[in-house]
Structure formats: C-alpha cells, structure tokens
Amino acid sequence: MNHFLDVVNWSQIWVITAVGYSVVFSALILLIFVFKFMPKVLKLQMKRKLKREGKYTEREGEEEEYIAGEVNAAIGTALSLYFSDLHDDESKIITIKRVERRYSPWSSKIYNINNVLPTRR
C-alpha cells in the first residue's frame, strides 16, 4: 500500500516553503522601511511646496521636531471628547415598546391543529 508520505516530492515542498517564508519576511522588512521613511518624505514634499509658494525660509541648524507620545495621546483624547460633545446627550435608556400587530394567519397555530387530513376507511 502506497502511503502519501512516500509519494510526495519533498524537495519541491521545501523549496515552496522557503520561497513563501522569504517573500513574507521581505515584504515585512520593506514595510518597516516604508513606514520609517514616510514622515521624512512627506516633510520634504511639504517643504518643496512651501518654498514654491514663498512661505518657507530655511533656517540653519534646523532639527526635526518630534512630538512625544504622551502629547499625541492628550491631543487625541481632547479631540475625541470635543467631537463626542457635538452630539446630543441621550438618556442612554433603551425602552422596548410592545407594538400591537395585525392578526396574521401565518403565525396562527390553530390552523395547524385543526387541519388534520381525513383518514380513509
């Protein structure tokens, strides 16, 4: 009896596995570089745009400005609280009102009970 493991070409399986892992890890490394350098590219693009409009003057010894994580969290919380106050305050009480519905024979059980087929004798 042939077993599945005897028929499989293991060299192809290892090649496919190695190629798959290398593609995934190289994509992850590429994403790391993209996210790392994206702020620099955007800042450079903004500088070029402001220079064309004449609103930017280059200062010597200019350092990159970083905002601390705590400041970002405080700004995000303040914006969230501000935008949540724009909505009306509701009572936050859910009420379920029973609605009287029209009579529907589709949900009536009486038709199922009384509709017994006559038996033949």
Protein backbone atom coordinates (compact mmCIF):
# COMPACT_ATOMS: atom_id res chain seq x y z
CA MET A 1 0.00 0.00 0.00
CA ASN A 2 1.42 3.37 -1.04
CA HIS A 3 1.47 5.92 1.69
CA PHE A 4 1.01 9.58 0.97
CA LEU A 5 4.37 10.46 2.52
CA ASP A 6 6.21 8.11 0.20
CA VAL A 7 4.71 9.64 -2.94
CA VAL A 8 5.32 13.30 -2.05
CA ASN A 9 8.29 15.07 -3.61
CA TRP A 10 9.83 16.66 -0.51
CA SER A 11 12.37 18.77 -2.38
CA GLN A 12 9.59 20.76 -4.04
CA ILE A 13 7.79 21.20 -0.72
CA TRP A 14 10.90 22.62 0.94
CA VAL A 15 11.51 24.99 -1.98
CA ILE A 16 7.92 26.26 -1.88
CA THR A 17 8.15 26.71 1.90
CA ALA A 18 11.44 28.62 1.69
CA VAL A 19 10.17 30.89 -1.09
CA GLY A 20 6.94 31.57 0.79
CA TYR A 21 8.69 32.50 4.04
CA SER A 22 11.25 34.66 2.24
CA VAL A 23 8.52 36.56 0.38
CA VAL A 24 6.60 37.24 3.61
CA PHE A 25 9.64 38.38 5.59
CA SER A 26 11.00 40.53 2.77
CA ALA A 27 7.58 42.20 2.47
CA LEU A 28 7.58 42.87 6.22
CA ILE A 29 11.07 44.38 6.08
CA LEU A 30 10.03 46.54 3.13
CA LEU A 31 7.00 47.78 5.10
CA ILE A 32 9.24 48.67 8.04
CA PHE A 33 11.36 50.90 5.80
CA VAL A 34 8.29 52.44 4.15
CA PHE A 35 6.74 53.38 7.50
CA LYS A 36 10.07 54.59 8.87
CA PHE A 37 10.86 56.96 5.99
CA MET A 38 7.33 58.09 5.10
CA PRO A 39 7.32 61.09 7.53
CA LYS A 40 10.64 62.30 6.09
CA VAL A 41 9.35 62.06 2.52
CA LEU A 42 6.14 63.87 3.42
CA LYS A 43 8.05 66.61 5.24
CA LEU A 44 10.39 67.06 2.27
CA GLN A 45 7.42 67.28 -0.08
CA MET A 46 5.76 69.89 2.17
CA LYS A 47 9.00 71.93 2.27
CA ARG A 48 9.18 71.95 -1.54
CA LYS A 49 5.56 73.06 -1.81
CA LEU A 50 6.03 75.87 0.72
CA LYS A 51 9.28 77.00 -0.98
CA ARG A 52 7.46 77.28 -4.33
CA GLU A 53 4.77 79.41 -2.68
CA GLY A 54 7.40 81.50 -0.90
CA LYS A 55 6.11 80.72 2.59
CA TYR A 56 9.10 78.72 3.79
CA THR A 57 12.52 80.02 4.72
CA GLU A 58 15.25 77.58 5.56
CA ARG A 59 16.85 78.02 8.96
CA GLU A 60 20.34 76.85 9.73
CA GLY A 61 20.76 74.17 12.34
CA GLU A 62 17.17 73.12 11.96
CA GLU A 63 16.36 69.94 13.84
CA GLU A 64 13.48 67.66 13.23
CA GLU A 65 10.58 68.24 15.52
CA TYR A 66 9.18 65.24 17.31
CA ILE A 67 6.07 65.20 19.43
CA ALA A 68 6.16 62.88 22.43
CA GLY A 69 3.70 60.01 22.65
CA GLU A 70 2.04 61.47 25.76
CA VAL A 71 1.33 64.70 23.90
CA ASN A 72 -0.18 62.76 20.99
CA ALA A 73 -2.36 60.81 23.42
CA ALA A 74 -3.54 64.02 25.13
CA ILE A 75 -4.37 65.65 21.79
CA GLY A 76 -6.25 62.55 20.63
CA THR A 77 -8.23 62.37 23.88
CA ALA A 78 -9.11 66.07 23.70
CA LEU A 79 -10.30 65.73 20.09
CA SER A 80 -12.33 62.65 20.95
CA LEU A 81 -14.01 64.40 23.87
CA TYR A 82 -14.66 67.51 21.78
CA PHE A 83 -16.27 65.60 18.93
CA SER A 84 -18.33 63.42 21.27
CA ASP A 85 -19.80 66.60 22.86
CA LEU A 86 -21.11 67.72 19.50
CA HIS A 87 -23.85 65.08 19.68
CA ASP A 88 -26.94 65.44 21.80
CA ASP A 89 -26.85 63.79 25.17
CA GLU A 90 -29.31 60.97 25.26
CA SER A 91 -30.80 59.32 28.29
CA LYS A 92 -28.98 56.08 27.47
CA ILE A 93 -32.07 54.15 28.47
CA ILE A 94 -33.39 51.71 25.96
CA THR A 95 -37.12 51.22 26.03
CA ILE A 96 -38.86 48.45 24.21
CA LYS A 97 -42.47 49.17 23.39
CA ARG A 98 -44.75 46.32 22.56
CA VAL A 99 -46.44 47.01 19.25
CA GLU A 100 -49.82 45.52 18.54
CA ARG A 101 -49.68 43.76 15.25
CA ARG A 102 -52.43 42.79 12.89
CA TYR A 103 -53.69 39.28 13.03
CA SER A 104 -51.80 37.08 10.62
CA PRO A 105 -52.89 33.53 9.86
CA TRP A 106 -49.31 32.61 9.04
CA SER A 107 -48.35 32.56 12.68
CA SER A 108 -51.56 31.06 13.98
CA LYS A 109 -51.22 27.56 15.40
CA ILE A 110 -54.92 26.81 15.31
CA TYR A 111 -54.82 26.14 11.58
CA ASN A 112 -52.15 23.51 12.05
CA ILE A 113 -54.06 21.71 14.76
CA ASN A 114 -57.48 21.62 13.10
CA ASN A 115 -56.31 20.81 9.58
CA VAL A 116 -55.99 17.11 10.05
CA LEU A 117 -56.40 15.14 6.87
CA PRO A 118 -59.36 12.78 6.93
CA THR A 119 -58.40 9.15 7.12
CA ARG A 120 -59.85 6.67 4.66
CA ARG A 121 -61.76 3.72 5.93
